[in-house]
């Protein structure tokens, strides 16, 4: 191969390679105030769920511990995704006005609580101090209510976002947490306990 042909071949490969990189470079979605607020608040919401999984007693039954591990794994993965969105948007990790994104629509009243489904400091203290079956029941009751709040938030985001990635992620949260509520309700019934009122 002549020097000229070799040079042209190298140049063509470089151009094609650069074009491929340009073609397949991911485009960051333009996140709205609603999308950012959802990511901030759901990230915070998820972090409390993980805190609750850390409060299981060492002697809790295997089925409850397995449920908690599933929740922990799923929500840690989603926290990573939500954090990535906020980094792309150059937004704070914590909202200065929690839940304001759910009252941004003209027909929506301000939320009744700072974040739906969240356990109170006293709830967490009681969970941490409990043992055995009492610990299992408290965990299941608090996590079911926590998931109910998460579903409310995710369903609202899915119905109002204009970003497909946000919509699909939010719908996935609704589906996953609905299934987990069904399992946790069964575990709670097996222990002769009932679901807490919501909200």
N, C-alpha and C. Protein backbone atom coordinates (compact mmCIF):
# COMPACT_ATOMS: atom_id res chain seq x y z
N UNK A 1 0.86 -1.18 0.00
CA UNK A 1 0.00 0.00 0.00
C UNK A 1 0.90 1.24 0.00
N UNK A 2 0.59 2.19 -0.91
CA UNK A 2 1.41 3.40 -0.99
C UNK A 2 1.22 4.25 0.25
N UNK A 3 2.18 5.15 0.47
CA UNK A 3 2.10 6.03 1.64
C UNK A 3 0.85 6.89 1.58
N UNK A 4 0.48 7.37 0.39
CA UNK A 4 -0.70 8.21 0.25
C UNK A 4 -1.96 7.44 0.57
N UNK A 5 -2.08 6.20 0.04
CA UNK A 5 -3.27 5.39 0.31
C UNK A 5 -3.37 5.06 1.81
N UNK A 6 -2.23 4.75 2.43
CA UNK A 6 -2.24 4.44 3.87
C UNK A 6 -2.70 5.64 4.68
N UNK A 7 -2.24 6.84 4.29
CA UNK A 7 -2.61 8.06 5.00
C UNK A 7 -4.11 8.31 4.86
N UNK A 8 -4.63 8.09 3.63
CA UNK A 8 -6.06 8.29 3.39
C UNK A 8 -6.89 7.30 4.19
N UNK A 9 -6.40 6.06 4.26
CA UNK A 9 -7.12 5.02 5.02
C UNK A 9 -7.19 5.38 6.49
N UNK A 10 -6.07 5.83 7.05
CA UNK A 10 -6.03 6.24 8.46
C UNK A 10 -6.96 7.41 8.71
N UNK A 11 -6.94 8.39 7.75
CA UNK A 11 -7.79 9.57 7.90
C UNK A 11 -9.26 9.19 7.84
N UNK A 12 -9.63 8.29 6.93
CA UNK A 12 -11.01 7.85 6.81
C UNK A 12 -11.46 7.12 8.08
N UNK A 13 -10.60 6.27 8.62
CA UNK A 13 -10.93 5.54 9.85
C UNK A 13 -11.16 6.50 11.00
N UNK A 14 -10.31 7.54 11.04
CA UNK A 14 -10.45 8.52 12.13
C UNK A 14 -11.76 9.28 12.01
N UNK A 15 -12.14 9.65 10.77
CA UNK A 15 -13.39 10.38 10.55
C UNK A 15 -14.59 9.52 10.90
N UNK A 16 -14.57 8.26 10.42
CA UNK A 16 -15.67 7.34 10.72
C UNK A 16 -15.78 7.10 12.21
N UNK A 17 -14.63 6.89 12.87
CA UNK A 17 -14.64 6.67 14.31
C UNK A 17 -15.20 7.85 15.06
N UNK A 18 -14.81 9.05 14.66
CA UNK A 18 -15.32 10.26 15.31
C UNK A 18 -16.81 10.39 15.10
N UNK A 19 -17.26 10.02 13.88
CA UNK A 19 -18.69 10.08 13.58
C UNK A 19 -19.47 9.11 14.43
N UNK A 20 -18.89 7.92 14.64
CA UNK A 20 -19.58 6.91 15.46
C UNK A 20 -19.70 7.38 16.89
N UNK A 21 -18.62 8.00 17.39
CA UNK A 21 -18.67 8.52 18.76
C UNK A 21 -19.75 9.59 18.86
N UNK A 22 -19.81 10.47 17.85
CA UNK A 22 -20.82 11.54 17.86
C UNK A 22 -22.22 10.96 17.79
N UNK A 23 -22.40 9.95 16.93
CA UNK A 23 -23.72 9.36 16.75
C UNK A 23 -24.24 8.70 18.01
N UNK A 24 -23.36 8.04 18.76
CA UNK A 24 -23.80 7.23 19.89
C UNK A 24 -23.57 7.90 21.24
N UNK A 25 -23.10 9.13 21.22
CA UNK A 25 -22.92 9.85 22.49
C UNK A 25 -24.29 10.09 23.11
N UNK A 26 -24.52 9.65 24.37
CA UNK A 26 -25.83 9.82 24.98
C UNK A 26 -26.17 11.29 25.18
N UNK A 27 -27.40 11.64 24.91
CA UNK A 27 -27.87 13.01 25.08
C UNK A 27 -28.59 13.11 26.41
N UNK A 28 -28.14 14.02 27.26
CA UNK A 28 -28.76 14.18 28.57
C UNK A 28 -30.14 14.80 28.42
N UNK A 29 -31.14 14.25 29.07
CA UNK A 29 -32.48 14.82 28.97
C UNK A 29 -32.55 16.17 29.66
N UNK A 30 -33.40 17.05 29.16
CA UNK A 30 -33.61 18.35 29.78
C UNK A 30 -34.62 18.19 30.90
N UNK A 31 -34.15 18.22 32.12
CA UNK A 31 -35.02 17.98 33.26
C UNK A 31 -35.73 19.26 33.68
N UNK A 32 -37.04 19.15 33.89
CA UNK A 32 -37.83 20.29 34.35
C UNK A 32 -37.73 20.42 35.86
N UNK A 33 -38.34 21.48 36.39
CA UNK A 33 -38.40 21.67 37.83
C UNK A 33 -39.09 20.48 38.50
N UNK A 34 -40.13 19.95 37.86
CA UNK A 34 -40.83 18.78 38.39
C UNK A 34 -39.91 17.57 38.43
N UNK A 35 -39.16 17.33 37.35
CA UNK A 35 -38.26 16.18 37.28
C UNK A 35 -37.18 16.27 38.36
N UNK A 36 -36.62 17.45 38.53
CA UNK A 36 -35.57 17.63 39.52
C UNK A 36 -36.13 17.45 40.93
N UNK A 37 -37.30 18.03 41.19
CA UNK A 37 -37.92 17.88 42.50
C UNK A 37 -38.23 16.43 42.82
N UNK A 38 -38.74 15.71 41.81
CA UNK A 38 -39.02 14.29 41.99
C UNK A 38 -37.75 13.53 42.32
N UNK A 39 -36.68 13.78 41.59
CA UNK A 39 -35.42 13.08 41.83
C UNK A 39 -34.88 13.39 43.23
N UNK A 40 -34.93 14.64 43.62
CA UNK A 40 -34.44 15.02 44.95
C UNK A 40 -35.23 14.35 46.07
N UNK A 41 -36.55 14.44 45.97
CA UNK A 41 -37.39 13.93 47.05
C UNK A 41 -37.45 12.41 47.07
N UNK A 42 -37.48 11.78 45.90
CA UNK A 42 -37.51 10.33 45.88
C UNK A 42 -36.19 9.75 46.36
N UNK A 43 -35.11 10.44 46.07
CA UNK A 43 -33.80 10.01 46.57
C UNK A 43 -33.79 10.03 48.10
N UNK A 44 -34.31 11.08 48.67
CA UNK A 44 -34.41 11.20 50.12
C UNK A 44 -35.35 10.14 50.70
N UNK A 45 -36.46 9.92 50.02
CA UNK A 45 -37.46 8.92 50.42
C UNK A 45 -36.82 7.53 50.45
N UNK A 46 -36.09 7.20 49.39
CA UNK A 46 -35.41 5.91 49.31
C UNK A 46 -34.39 5.73 50.42
N UNK A 47 -33.69 6.80 50.76
CA UNK A 47 -32.66 6.70 51.79
C UNK A 47 -33.26 6.31 53.14
N UNK A 48 -34.48 6.80 53.42
CA UNK A 48 -35.10 6.39 54.68
C UNK A 48 -35.47 4.90 54.64
N UNK A 49 -35.91 4.42 53.49
CA UNK A 49 -36.24 3.00 53.37
C UNK A 49 -35.01 2.14 53.66
N UNK A 50 -33.86 2.56 53.16
CA UNK A 50 -32.63 1.82 53.41
C UNK A 50 -32.27 1.87 54.89
N UNK A 51 -32.48 3.03 55.51
CA UNK A 51 -32.25 3.15 56.95
C UNK A 51 -33.11 2.14 57.72
N UNK A 52 -34.36 1.99 57.31
CA UNK A 52 -35.25 1.05 57.99
C UNK A 52 -34.78 -0.40 57.81
N UNK A 53 -34.24 -0.73 56.65
CA UNK A 53 -33.74 -2.11 56.47
C UNK A 53 -32.56 -2.37 57.39
N UNK A 54 -31.80 -1.33 57.73
CA UNK A 54 -30.67 -1.48 58.64
C UNK A 54 -31.13 -1.71 60.09
N UNK A 55 -32.40 -1.47 60.36
CA UNK A 55 -32.92 -1.58 61.72
C UNK A 55 -33.59 -2.92 62.01
N UNK A 56 -33.47 -3.87 61.08
CA UNK A 56 -34.00 -5.20 61.35
C UNK A 56 -33.18 -5.85 62.46
N UNK A 57 -33.87 -6.57 63.33
CA UNK A 57 -33.19 -7.28 64.42
C UNK A 57 -32.44 -8.49 63.86
N UNK A 58 -31.31 -8.86 64.47
CA UNK A 58 -30.52 -9.99 63.97
C UNK A 58 -31.29 -11.31 63.93
N UNK A 59 -32.30 -11.44 64.82
CA UNK A 59 -33.03 -12.71 64.87
C UNK A 59 -34.33 -12.68 64.06
N UNK A 60 -34.52 -11.70 63.19
CA UNK A 60 -35.73 -11.65 62.37
C UNK A 60 -35.79 -12.84 61.42
N UNK A 61 -37.01 -13.23 61.06
CA UNK A 61 -37.23 -14.39 60.19
C UNK A 61 -36.61 -14.18 58.81
N UNK A 62 -36.27 -15.28 58.17
CA UNK A 62 -35.60 -15.23 56.87
C UNK A 62 -36.45 -14.56 55.80
N UNK A 63 -37.79 -14.76 55.83
CA UNK A 63 -38.62 -14.18 54.79
C UNK A 63 -38.67 -12.65 54.89
N UNK A 64 -38.67 -12.12 56.10
CA UNK A 64 -38.65 -10.67 56.28
C UNK A 64 -37.30 -10.10 55.88
N UNK A 65 -36.23 -10.79 56.25
CA UNK A 65 -34.89 -10.31 55.89
C UNK A 65 -34.69 -10.34 54.38
N UNK A 66 -35.23 -11.34 53.71
CA UNK A 66 -35.12 -11.42 52.25
C UNK A 66 -35.86 -10.27 51.59
N UNK A 67 -37.04 -9.95 52.12
CA UNK A 67 -37.81 -8.83 51.59
C UNK A 67 -37.04 -7.53 51.76
N UNK A 68 -36.45 -7.35 52.94
CA UNK A 68 -35.69 -6.14 53.22
C UNK A 68 -34.47 -6.02 52.30
N UNK A 69 -33.80 -7.13 52.04
CA UNK A 69 -32.64 -7.10 51.16
C UNK A 69 -33.03 -6.74 49.73
N UNK A 70 -34.18 -7.24 49.28
CA UNK A 70 -34.67 -6.89 47.94
C UNK A 70 -34.93 -5.40 47.85
N UNK A 71 -35.60 -4.86 48.87
CA UNK A 71 -35.90 -3.42 48.88
C UNK A 71 -34.61 -2.62 48.89
N UNK A 72 -33.67 -3.03 49.72
CA UNK A 72 -32.39 -2.33 49.83
C UNK A 72 -31.66 -2.31 48.50
N UNK A 73 -31.56 -3.46 47.85
CA UNK A 73 -30.85 -3.55 46.57
C UNK A 73 -31.50 -2.68 45.51
N UNK A 74 -32.83 -2.78 45.38
CA UNK A 74 -33.55 -2.03 44.35
C UNK A 74 -33.42 -0.52 44.58
N UNK A 75 -33.60 -0.10 45.81
CA UNK A 75 -33.62 1.34 46.06
C UNK A 75 -32.22 1.96 46.04
N UNK A 76 -31.20 1.20 46.38
CA UNK A 76 -29.84 1.70 46.21
C UNK A 76 -29.54 1.92 44.74
N UNK A 77 -29.99 1.00 43.89
CA UNK A 77 -29.79 1.13 42.45
C UNK A 77 -30.52 2.38 41.92
N UNK A 78 -31.75 2.59 42.39
CA UNK A 78 -32.52 3.75 41.94
C UNK A 78 -31.93 5.06 42.48
N UNK A 79 -31.38 5.04 43.69
CA UNK A 79 -30.71 6.24 44.22
C UNK A 79 -29.56 6.63 43.30
N UNK A 80 -28.82 5.64 42.81
CA UNK A 80 -27.74 5.92 41.88
C UNK A 80 -28.23 6.61 40.62
N UNK A 81 -29.35 6.14 40.10
CA UNK A 81 -29.92 6.74 38.89
C UNK A 81 -30.40 8.16 39.16
N UNK A 82 -31.11 8.36 40.26
CA UNK A 82 -31.61 9.69 40.61
C UNK A 82 -30.46 10.67 40.85
N UNK A 83 -29.41 10.19 41.49
CA UNK A 83 -28.24 11.03 41.73
C UNK A 83 -27.60 11.44 40.42
N UNK A 84 -27.54 10.51 39.47
CA UNK A 84 -26.99 10.81 38.15
C UNK A 84 -27.78 11.92 37.44
N UNK A 85 -29.09 11.84 37.50
CA UNK A 85 -29.93 12.89 36.90
C UNK A 85 -29.62 14.25 37.51
N UNK A 86 -29.52 14.30 38.83
CA UNK A 86 -29.28 15.57 39.52
C UNK A 86 -27.89 16.12 39.18
N UNK A 87 -26.92 15.23 39.04
CA UNK A 87 -25.58 15.68 38.65
C UNK A 87 -25.59 16.25 37.24
N UNK A 88 -26.30 15.59 36.33
CA UNK A 88 -26.41 16.08 34.95
C UNK A 88 -27.05 17.46 34.92
N UNK A 89 -28.07 17.64 35.77
CA UNK A 89 -28.79 18.92 35.82
C UNK A 89 -28.08 19.96 36.67
N UNK A 90 -26.95 19.57 37.28
CA UNK A 90 -26.22 20.47 38.18
C UNK A 90 -27.13 20.98 39.30
N UNK A 91 -27.93 20.08 39.83
CA UNK A 91 -28.90 20.43 40.88
C UNK A 91 -28.45 19.89 42.23
N UNK A 92 -28.95 20.50 43.28
CA UNK A 92 -28.64 20.05 44.64
C UNK A 92 -29.23 18.66 44.88
N UNK A 93 -28.62 17.90 45.76
CA UNK A 93 -29.12 16.57 46.07
C UNK A 93 -30.37 16.61 46.95
N UNK A 94 -30.53 17.68 47.71
CA UNK A 94 -31.68 17.82 48.59
C UNK A 94 -32.45 19.08 48.22
N UNK A 95 -33.75 18.97 48.10
CA UNK A 95 -34.58 20.11 47.72
C UNK A 95 -34.73 21.08 48.88
N UNK A 96 -34.61 22.39 48.62
CA UNK A 96 -34.86 23.36 49.69
C UNK A 96 -36.36 23.47 50.01
N UNK A 97 -37.20 23.00 49.09
CA UNK A 97 -38.65 23.02 49.30
C UNK A 97 -39.23 21.65 48.96
N UNK A 98 -39.08 20.68 49.87
CA UNK A 98 -39.56 19.32 49.58
C UNK A 98 -41.03 19.29 49.16
N UNK A 99 -41.31 18.50 48.15
CA UNK A 99 -42.66 18.23 47.65
C UNK A 99 -43.31 19.41 46.95
N UNK A 100 -42.59 20.50 46.74
CA UNK A 100 -43.19 21.63 46.03
C UNK A 100 -43.52 21.28 44.58
N UNK A 101 -42.81 20.30 44.01
CA UNK A 101 -43.06 19.89 42.63
C UNK A 101 -44.42 19.24 42.46
N UNK A 102 -44.99 18.68 43.52
CA UNK A 102 -46.32 18.05 43.41
C UNK A 102 -47.45 19.05 43.56
N UNK A 103 -47.13 20.27 43.94
CA UNK A 103 -48.18 21.29 44.04
C UNK A 103 -47.98 22.38 42.99
N UNK A 104 -47.11 22.09 42.00
CA UNK A 104 -46.81 23.08 40.98
C UNK A 104 -47.94 23.21 39.96
N UNK A 105 -48.77 22.17 39.83
CA UNK A 105 -49.88 22.22 38.88
C UNK A 105 -51.01 23.07 39.47
N UNK A 106 -51.68 23.87 38.65
CA UNK A 106 -52.72 24.77 39.15
C UNK A 106 -53.83 24.07 39.93
N UNK A 107 -54.18 22.84 39.55
CA UNK A 107 -55.30 22.17 40.20
C UNK A 107 -54.89 21.36 41.43
N UNK A 108 -53.57 21.36 41.73
CA UNK A 108 -53.09 20.55 42.84
C UNK A 108 -52.98 21.38 44.12
N UNK A 109 -53.54 20.85 45.20
CA UNK A 109 -53.38 21.50 46.50
C UNK A 109 -52.02 21.14 47.06
N UNK A 110 -51.46 21.98 47.94
CA UNK A 110 -50.18 21.64 48.57
C UNK A 110 -50.27 20.33 49.33
N UNK A 111 -49.23 19.51 49.32
CA UNK A 111 -49.27 18.23 50.03
C UNK A 111 -49.51 18.43 51.52
N UNK A 112 -50.23 17.47 52.13
CA UNK A 112 -50.56 17.58 53.55
C UNK A 112 -49.35 17.34 54.45
N UNK A 113 -48.40 16.56 53.97
CA UNK A 113 -47.21 16.26 54.77
C UNK A 113 -45.97 16.57 53.94
N UNK A 114 -44.83 16.69 54.64
CA UNK A 114 -43.60 17.03 53.94
C UNK A 114 -43.27 16.00 52.86
N UNK A 115 -43.47 14.74 53.15
CA UNK A 115 -43.21 13.69 52.18
C UNK A 115 -44.07 12.48 52.54
N UNK A 116 -44.94 12.04 51.65
CA UNK A 116 -45.91 10.98 52.00
C UNK A 116 -45.25 9.65 52.34
N UNK A 117 -45.80 9.02 53.39
CA UNK A 117 -45.35 7.69 53.77
C UNK A 117 -44.14 7.63 54.66
N UNK A 118 -43.50 8.77 54.88
CA UNK A 118 -42.26 8.76 55.67
C UNK A 118 -42.53 8.41 57.13
N UNK A 119 -41.63 7.64 57.70
CA UNK A 119 -41.72 7.30 59.12
C UNK A 119 -41.24 8.49 59.95
N UNK A 120 -41.86 8.69 61.09
CA UNK A 120 -41.47 9.78 61.98
C UNK A 120 -40.22 9.37 62.76
N UNK A 121 -39.52 10.34 63.36
CA UNK A 121 -38.37 9.99 64.20
C UNK A 121 -38.74 9.01 65.31
N UNK A 122 -39.94 9.15 65.88
CA UNK A 122 -40.37 8.23 66.93
C UNK A 122 -40.61 6.84 66.37
N UNK A 123 -41.19 6.76 65.15
CA UNK A 123 -41.38 5.46 64.49
C UNK A 123 -40.04 4.74 64.35
N UNK A 124 -39.04 5.48 63.89
CA UNK A 124 -37.72 4.88 63.68
C UNK A 124 -37.08 4.45 65.00
N UNK A 125 -37.27 5.25 66.01
CA UNK A 125 -36.72 4.92 67.33
C UNK A 125 -37.36 3.63 67.86
N UNK A 126 -38.69 3.54 67.70
CA UNK A 126 -39.39 2.34 68.16
C UNK A 126 -38.96 1.10 67.38
N UNK A 127 -38.76 1.27 66.08
CA UNK A 127 -38.31 0.15 65.24
C UNK A 127 -36.92 -0.31 65.69
N UNK A 128 -36.05 0.62 65.89
CA UNK A 128 -34.67 0.28 66.26
C UNK A 128 -34.59 -0.42 67.62
N UNK A 129 -35.48 -0.07 68.53
CA UNK A 129 -35.45 -0.64 69.87
C UNK A 129 -36.20 -1.97 69.98
N UNK A 130 -37.00 -2.31 68.98
CA UNK A 130 -37.80 -3.53 69.06
C UNK A 130 -36.99 -4.75 68.68
N UNK A 131 -37.49 -5.93 69.05
CA UNK A 131 -36.80 -7.19 68.75
C UNK A 131 -37.83 -8.24 68.34
N UNK A 132 -37.34 -9.33 67.76
CA UNK A 132 -38.19 -10.48 67.45
C UNK A 132 -39.37 -10.14 66.55
N UNK A 133 -40.51 -10.77 66.84
CA UNK A 133 -41.71 -10.60 66.03
C UNK A 133 -42.18 -9.15 66.03
N UNK A 134 -42.00 -8.45 67.14
CA UNK A 134 -42.40 -7.04 67.20
C UNK A 134 -41.61 -6.22 66.20
N UNK A 135 -40.34 -6.51 66.06
CA UNK A 135 -39.49 -5.82 65.09
C UNK A 135 -39.95 -6.11 63.67
N UNK A 136 -40.27 -7.36 63.39
CA UNK A 136 -40.75 -7.74 62.06
C UNK A 136 -42.03 -7.00 61.71
N UNK A 137 -42.97 -6.96 62.65
CA UNK A 137 -44.27 -6.32 62.40
C UNK A 137 -44.09 -4.82 62.19
N UNK A 138 -43.29 -4.19 63.05
CA UNK A 138 -43.07 -2.75 62.91
C UNK A 138 -42.42 -2.43 61.56
N UNK A 139 -41.44 -3.23 61.19
CA UNK A 139 -40.76 -3.01 59.91
C UNK A 139 -41.74 -3.13 58.75
N UNK A 140 -42.52 -4.19 58.72
CA UNK A 140 -43.47 -4.40 57.62
C UNK A 140 -44.51 -3.29 57.56
N UNK A 141 -45.03 -2.91 58.70
CA UNK A 141 -46.05 -1.85 58.73
C UNK A 141 -45.49 -0.53 58.22
N UNK A 142 -44.31 -0.17 58.71
CA UNK A 142 -43.72 1.10 58.29
C UNK A 142 -43.31 1.09 56.83
N UNK A 143 -42.79 -0.06 56.35
CA UNK A 143 -42.34 -0.12 54.96
C UNK A 143 -43.53 -0.13 54.00
N UNK A 144 -44.62 -0.77 54.38
CA UNK A 144 -45.81 -0.74 53.52
C UNK A 144 -46.29 0.70 53.37
N UNK A 145 -46.41 1.40 54.48
CA UNK A 145 -46.86 2.80 54.42
C UNK A 145 -45.85 3.66 53.64
N UNK A 146 -44.58 3.38 53.84
CA UNK A 146 -43.52 4.09 53.12
C UNK A 146 -43.66 3.88 51.61
N UNK A 147 -43.90 2.64 51.21
CA UNK A 147 -44.09 2.33 49.79
C UNK A 147 -45.35 3.00 49.24
N UNK A 148 -46.40 3.06 50.02
CA UNK A 148 -47.62 3.73 49.57
C UNK A 148 -47.33 5.19 49.24
N UNK A 149 -46.53 5.83 50.07
CA UNK A 149 -46.14 7.21 49.79
C UNK A 149 -45.27 7.30 48.55
N UNK A 150 -44.33 6.36 48.41
CA UNK A 150 -43.46 6.36 47.23
C UNK A 150 -44.26 6.17 45.95
N UNK A 151 -45.26 5.31 45.99
CA UNK A 151 -46.11 5.08 44.82
C UNK A 151 -46.86 6.36 44.45
N UNK A 152 -47.36 7.05 45.45
CA UNK A 152 -48.08 8.31 45.20
C UNK A 152 -47.17 9.32 44.50
N UNK A 153 -45.95 9.43 44.97
CA UNK A 153 -45.00 10.37 44.37
C UNK A 153 -44.62 9.95 42.95
N UNK A 154 -44.31 8.67 42.78
CA UNK A 154 -43.87 8.18 41.46
C UNK A 154 -45.00 8.26 40.44
N UNK A 155 -46.21 7.95 40.85
CA UNK A 155 -47.35 8.01 39.93
C UNK A 155 -47.59 9.43 39.46
N UNK A 156 -47.44 10.38 40.36
CA UNK A 156 -47.63 11.79 39.98
C UNK A 156 -46.55 12.21 38.98
N UNK A 157 -45.31 11.83 39.27
CA UNK A 157 -44.21 12.17 38.36
C UNK A 157 -44.43 11.55 36.98
N UNK A 158 -44.83 10.28 36.95
CA UNK A 158 -45.06 9.59 35.67
C UNK A 158 -46.16 10.27 34.86
N UNK A 159 -47.15 10.80 35.55
CA UNK A 159 -48.28 11.42 34.86
C UNK A 159 -48.03 12.84 34.39
N UNK A 160 -46.95 13.48 34.87
CA UNK A 160 -46.74 14.89 34.55
C UNK A 160 -45.40 15.21 33.90
N UNK A 161 -44.44 14.28 33.93
CA UNK A 161 -43.16 14.56 33.31
C UNK A 161 -43.28 14.54 31.78
N UNK A 162 -42.37 15.26 31.14
CA UNK A 162 -42.30 15.23 29.67
C UNK A 162 -41.05 14.48 29.20
N UNK A 163 -40.32 13.90 30.15
CA UNK A 163 -39.09 13.17 29.83
C UNK A 163 -39.38 11.67 29.92
N UNK A 164 -39.17 10.97 28.82
CA UNK A 164 -39.53 9.54 28.78
C UNK A 164 -38.75 8.72 29.80
N UNK A 165 -37.46 9.04 29.99
CA UNK A 165 -36.65 8.28 30.95
C UNK A 165 -37.20 8.43 32.36
N UNK A 166 -37.65 9.62 32.71
CA UNK A 166 -38.22 9.85 34.03
C UNK A 166 -39.54 9.09 34.16
N UNK A 167 -40.36 9.15 33.11
CA UNK A 167 -41.65 8.45 33.13
C UNK A 167 -41.47 6.94 33.31
N UNK A 168 -40.57 6.36 32.54
CA UNK A 168 -40.37 4.91 32.61
C UNK A 168 -39.81 4.49 33.97
N UNK A 169 -38.89 5.28 34.51
CA UNK A 169 -38.33 4.97 35.83
C UNK A 169 -39.41 5.06 36.90
N UNK A 170 -40.22 6.11 36.84
CA UNK A 170 -41.28 6.29 37.83
C UNK A 170 -42.31 5.16 37.75
N UNK A 171 -42.68 4.77 36.54
CA UNK A 171 -43.63 3.67 36.38
C UNK A 171 -43.04 2.36 36.91
N UNK A 172 -41.74 2.18 36.70
CA UNK A 172 -41.07 1.00 37.24
C UNK A 172 -41.11 0.97 38.76
N UNK A 173 -40.96 2.15 39.37
CA UNK A 173 -41.06 2.23 40.84
C UNK A 173 -42.46 1.86 41.31
N UNK A 174 -43.47 2.37 40.62
CA UNK A 174 -44.86 2.05 40.99
C UNK A 174 -45.09 0.55 40.94
N UNK A 175 -44.65 -0.08 39.85
CA UNK A 175 -44.86 -1.52 39.68
C UNK A 175 -44.10 -2.32 40.74
N UNK A 176 -42.82 -1.99 40.94
CA UNK A 176 -41.99 -2.73 41.90
C UNK A 176 -42.54 -2.61 43.32
N UNK A 177 -42.87 -1.40 43.71
CA UNK A 177 -43.32 -1.20 45.09
C UNK A 177 -44.72 -1.75 45.32
N UNK A 178 -45.55 -1.77 44.29
CA UNK A 178 -46.88 -2.39 44.41
C UNK A 178 -46.74 -3.89 44.68
N UNK A 179 -45.84 -4.53 43.94
CA UNK A 179 -45.61 -5.96 44.15
C UNK A 179 -45.05 -6.23 45.55
N UNK A 180 -44.14 -5.37 46.00
CA UNK A 180 -43.54 -5.57 47.32
C UNK A 180 -44.58 -5.36 48.43
N UNK A 181 -45.50 -4.42 48.23
CA UNK A 181 -46.57 -4.23 49.21
C UNK A 181 -47.41 -5.49 49.34
N UNK A 182 -47.70 -6.13 48.22
CA UNK A 182 -48.50 -7.35 48.25
C UNK A 182 -47.81 -8.44 49.06
N UNK A 183 -46.51 -8.60 48.86
CA UNK A 183 -45.76 -9.61 49.60
C UNK A 183 -45.70 -9.25 51.08
N UNK A 184 -45.41 -7.98 51.38
CA UNK A 184 -45.29 -7.56 52.78
C UNK A 184 -46.62 -7.65 53.51
N UNK A 185 -47.72 -7.40 52.82
CA UNK A 185 -49.04 -7.54 53.44
C UNK A 185 -49.31 -8.99 53.82
N UNK A 186 -48.91 -9.91 52.96
CA UNK A 186 -49.04 -11.33 53.27
C UNK A 186 -48.20 -11.70 54.49
N UNK A 187 -46.96 -11.22 54.54
CA UNK A 187 -46.09 -11.49 55.69
C UNK A 187 -46.67 -10.91 56.97
N UNK A 188 -47.28 -9.74 56.85
CA UNK A 188 -47.89 -9.10 58.02
C UNK A 188 -49.10 -9.90 58.51
N UNK A 189 -49.91 -10.35 57.57
CA UNK A 189 -51.10 -11.16 57.93
C UNK A 189 -50.68 -12.46 58.61
N UNK A 190 -49.60 -13.04 58.14
CA UNK A 190 -49.11 -14.28 58.75
C UNK A 190 -48.69 -14.08 60.20
N UNK A 191 -48.41 -12.84 60.55
CA UNK A 191 -48.00 -12.53 61.92
C UNK A 191 -49.15 -11.95 62.74
N UNK A 192 -50.36 -12.04 62.21
CA UNK A 192 -51.54 -11.60 62.92
C UNK A 192 -51.64 -10.10 63.10
N UNK A 193 -51.01 -9.34 62.21
CA UNK A 193 -51.02 -7.88 62.31
C UNK A 193 -51.66 -7.28 61.06
N UNK A 194 -52.01 -6.01 61.15
CA UNK A 194 -52.68 -5.33 60.04
C UNK A 194 -51.87 -4.14 59.55
N UNK A 195 -52.22 -3.66 58.37
CA UNK A 195 -51.56 -2.52 57.76
C UNK A 195 -51.93 -1.24 58.50
N UNK A 196 -50.97 -0.31 58.62
CA UNK A 196 -51.25 0.97 59.25
C UNK A 196 -52.11 1.84 58.34
N UNK A 197 -52.88 2.76 58.91
CA UNK A 197 -53.65 3.69 58.08
C UNK A 197 -52.72 4.54 57.20
N UNK A 198 -53.20 4.88 56.02
CA UNK A 198 -52.45 5.77 55.12
C UNK A 198 -53.38 6.86 54.62
N UNK A 199 -52.99 8.11 54.62
CA UNK A 199 -51.64 8.59 54.96
C UNK A 199 -51.47 8.74 56.46
